[in-house]
Amino acid sequence: MEHVIAEWESQERAVRARLRPAGAPPPTMSLAALSGLQVLEAIFAGDWPPPAMGDTLDFLPIRVEPGLAVFQGRPSPRHYNPMGTVHGGWFATLLDSAVGCAVHSTLPAGSAYTTLEIKVNIVRPLTDAVPLVRAEGKVVHTGRQVGTAEGRIVGPDGKLYAHATTTCLIFESSPRAR
């Protein structure tokens, strides 16, 4: 397990080194003409800033390819519910990001999406005793108006913490929507 943690932390450092810094000047490029995969690649290349929510909840994208998105998060006491475990909203947000970006990675230029429905099953609690988790989202189907995906949160020891399914509504984007 220690070697998995070291590998995951190394991958996280490499991604963070490429991401656009929070205080950087706003980008001048427009995302309207890019496919979903190209948008995600622009974030990874540091050409476009990642959503600030990742900083707030301490997670970030690790890898994306057509139909697949992997995010990594660090459970911490600031994510706890009153019972002393990670709040279900943290699980849901991490999974929603992974499954949503998996769908996004399959969209052509001029398309956008929003989560229409997400179902999350938490199968074991999380605390900061688990230093890192990964959420992997995989597309099941992408059509003209609907995309579906499934995802899992696993720890470095391979234990499953949660799984989810999503339905995304796909629609034509406007230049201002991006």
Protein backbone atom coordinates (compact mmCIF):
# COMPACT_ATOMS: atom_id res chain seq x y z
CA MET A 1 0.00 0.00 0.00
CA GLU A 2 2.85 2.42 0.78
CA HIS A 3 4.18 2.15 -2.76
CA VAL A 4 0.69 2.94 -4.16
CA ILE A 5 0.47 6.03 -1.94
CA ALA A 6 3.94 7.14 -3.10
CA GLU A 7 2.94 6.62 -6.76
CA TRP A 8 -0.36 8.51 -6.33
CA GLU A 9 1.39 11.39 -4.55
CA SER A 10 3.99 11.56 -7.33
CA GLN A 11 1.26 11.71 -9.97
CA GLU A 12 -0.51 14.44 -7.97
CA ARG A 13 2.69 16.54 -7.77
CA ALA A 14 3.16 16.22 -11.54
CA VAL A 15 -0.42 17.36 -12.21
CA ARG A 16 -0.22 20.26 -9.73
CA ALA A 17 3.02 21.43 -11.39
CA ARG A 18 1.16 21.82 -14.72
CA LEU A 19 -2.10 23.35 -13.44
CA ARG A 20 -2.64 27.08 -13.84
CA PRO A 21 -1.96 28.89 -10.53
CA ALA A 22 -4.96 30.41 -8.77
CA GLY A 23 -3.58 33.97 -9.02
CA ALA A 24 -2.57 33.77 -12.71
CA PRO A 25 -4.05 36.27 -15.18
CA PRO A 26 -7.26 35.06 -16.83
CA PRO A 27 -6.76 33.12 -20.06
CA THR A 28 -7.47 34.78 -23.36
CA MET A 29 -8.47 31.61 -25.21
CA SER A 30 -12.11 30.70 -25.83
CA LEU A 31 -13.30 27.20 -25.04
CA ALA A 32 -16.40 27.39 -27.26
CA ALA A 33 -14.72 25.78 -30.28
CA LEU A 34 -13.09 22.96 -28.31
CA SER A 35 -14.38 19.44 -27.76
CA GLY A 36 -14.95 18.28 -24.20
CA LEU A 37 -11.68 16.35 -24.25
CA GLN A 38 -9.82 19.41 -25.56
CA VAL A 39 -11.27 21.53 -22.72
CA LEU A 40 -10.08 19.01 -20.14
CA GLU A 41 -6.67 18.81 -21.85
CA ALA A 42 -6.45 22.65 -21.72
CA ILE A 43 -6.94 22.44 -17.94
CA PHE A 44 -4.23 19.76 -17.65
CA ALA A 45 -1.85 21.80 -19.81
CA GLY A 46 -2.30 24.85 -17.58
CA ASP A 47 -3.93 26.86 -20.39
CA TRP A 48 -7.24 27.07 -18.54
CA PRO A 49 -7.79 27.14 -14.76
CA PRO A 50 -9.33 24.15 -13.01
CA PRO A 51 -12.57 24.78 -11.11
CA ALA A 52 -11.84 26.34 -7.72
CA MET A 53 -14.07 23.79 -6.01
CA GLY A 54 -11.20 21.30 -6.21
CA ASP A 55 -9.14 23.58 -3.94
CA THR A 56 -12.05 23.98 -1.54
CA LEU A 57 -12.63 20.23 -1.22
CA ASP A 58 -8.99 19.14 -1.74
CA PHE A 59 -9.31 17.06 -4.89
CA LEU A 60 -8.02 17.36 -8.45
CA PRO A 61 -8.14 15.59 -11.80
CA ILE A 62 -5.32 13.11 -12.29
CA ARG A 63 -6.02 11.66 -15.73
CA VAL A 64 -8.53 12.02 -18.54
CA GLU A 65 -8.97 10.20 -21.80
CA PRO A 66 -12.02 9.61 -23.99
CA GLY A 67 -14.71 8.11 -21.77
CA LEU A 68 -12.57 8.04 -18.60
CA ALA A 69 -11.73 10.53 -15.86
CA VAL A 70 -9.73 9.91 -12.68
CA PHE A 71 -9.78 12.32 -9.73
CA GLN A 72 -7.82 12.11 -6.50
CA GLY A 73 -8.88 13.47 -3.12
CA ARG A 74 -7.53 13.82 0.39
CA PRO A 75 -10.12 13.10 3.08
CA SER A 76 -9.56 15.38 6.07
CA PRO A 77 -11.33 16.48 9.25
CA ARG A 78 -12.54 19.63 7.48
CA HIS A 79 -14.75 17.30 5.39
CA TYR A 80 -16.23 15.52 8.43
CA ASN A 81 -19.86 15.31 9.44
CA PRO A 82 -20.85 15.50 13.14
CA MET A 83 -20.19 11.75 13.50
CA GLY A 84 -16.50 12.15 12.72
CA THR A 85 -16.40 10.68 9.21
CA VAL A 86 -16.25 12.27 5.78
CA HIS A 87 -19.58 13.86 4.81
CA GLY A 88 -21.58 12.20 2.06
CA GLY A 89 -21.51 15.43 0.07
CA TRP A 90 -17.74 15.09 -0.32
CA PHE A 91 -18.16 11.57 -1.72
CA ALA A 92 -20.92 12.79 -4.05
CA THR A 93 -18.96 15.80 -5.31
CA LEU A 94 -15.83 13.78 -5.98
CA LEU A 95 -17.83 11.13 -7.84
CA ASP A 96 -19.90 13.73 -9.72
CA SER A 97 -16.66 15.31 -10.95
CA ALA A 98 -15.23 11.99 -12.15
CA VAL A 99 -18.36 10.69 -13.89
CA GLY A 100 -19.28 14.11 -15.29
CA CYS A 101 -15.81 14.66 -16.76
CA ALA A 102 -15.89 11.15 -18.22
CA VAL A 103 -19.03 12.18 -20.12
CA HIS A 104 -17.55 15.61 -20.93
CA SER A 105 -14.52 13.92 -22.49
CA THR A 106 -16.76 12.39 -25.18
CA LEU A 107 -18.60 15.56 -26.24
CA PRO A 108 -17.95 17.33 -29.54
CA ALA A 109 -17.21 21.06 -29.78
CA GLY A 110 -20.31 23.14 -29.22
CA SER A 111 -21.79 20.74 -26.67
CA ALA A 112 -22.11 21.06 -22.92
CA TYR A 113 -23.66 18.95 -20.19
CA THR A 114 -25.12 19.12 -16.74
CA THR A 115 -25.77 16.41 -14.21
CA LEU A 116 -29.40 15.41 -14.50
CA GLU A 117 -29.22 12.72 -11.84
CA ILE A 118 -26.57 11.08 -9.68
CA LYS A 119 -26.96 8.10 -7.36
CA VAL A 120 -24.24 7.47 -4.81
CA ASN A 121 -23.81 4.39 -2.64
CA ILE A 122 -21.36 4.83 0.23
CA VAL A 123 -20.23 1.36 1.27
CA ARG A 124 -17.76 2.25 4.04
CA PRO A 125 -16.88 5.40 5.97
CA LEU A 126 -13.82 7.52 5.25
CA THR A 127 -11.58 9.40 7.66
CA ASP A 128 -8.17 11.01 7.34
CA ALA A 129 -6.71 7.60 8.30
CA VAL A 130 -6.99 6.95 4.54
CA PRO A 131 -4.56 9.53 3.13
CA LEU A 132 -5.77 9.48 -0.49
CA VAL A 133 -8.64 8.11 -2.53
CA ARG A 134 -9.27 7.91 -6.22
CA ALA A 135 -12.57 8.36 -8.02
CA GLU A 136 -12.70 6.80 -11.46
CA GLY A 137 -15.54 7.64 -13.82
CA LYS A 138 -16.25 5.58 -16.95
CA VAL A 139 -18.79 6.35 -19.65
CA VAL A 140 -21.48 3.74 -20.19
CA HIS A 141 -23.19 5.56 -23.06
CA THR A 142 -23.07 8.97 -24.72
CA GLY A 143 -25.81 9.94 -27.13
CA ARG A 144 -26.99 13.20 -28.65
CA GLN A 145 -28.96 14.32 -25.57
CA VAL A 146 -28.05 11.93 -22.74
CA GLY A 147 -24.81 10.55 -21.37
CA THR A 148 -24.51 7.94 -18.62
CA ALA A 149 -21.48 6.94 -16.59
CA GLU A 150 -20.52 4.97 -13.53
CA GLY A 151 -17.83 5.62 -10.96
CA ARG A 152 -16.06 4.20 -7.95
CA ILE A 153 -14.02 5.64 -5.08
CA VAL A 154 -11.18 3.37 -3.99
CA GLY A 155 -8.37 3.67 -1.49
CA PRO A 156 -4.70 2.88 -2.08
CA ASP A 157 -5.31 -0.57 -0.58
CA GLY A 158 -7.94 -1.28 -3.25
CA LYS A 159 -10.90 -1.04 -0.86
CA LEU A 160 -14.13 0.30 -2.34
CA TYR A 161 -15.59 3.28 -0.42
CA ALA A 162 -18.42 4.34 -2.73
CA HIS A 163 -19.85 3.83 -6.19
CA ALA A 164 -22.19 5.91 -8.32
CA THR A 165 -24.13 6.18 -11.54
CA THR A 166 -25.06 9.37 -13.32
CA THR A 167 -27.25 10.61 -16.11
CA CYS A 168 -26.08 13.79 -17.81
CA LEU A 169 -28.18 16.06 -19.99
CA ILE A 170 -26.27 17.06 -23.13
CA PHE A 171 -27.15 20.31 -24.85
CA GLU A 172 -25.80 22.88 -27.29
CA SER A 173 -23.52 25.34 -25.54
CA SER A 174 -23.32 29.04 -26.19
CA PRO A 175 -19.95 30.80 -26.29
CA ARG A 176 -20.82 32.50 -22.98
CA ALA A 177 -21.59 29.15 -21.29
CA ARG A 178 -17.96 28.19 -21.36
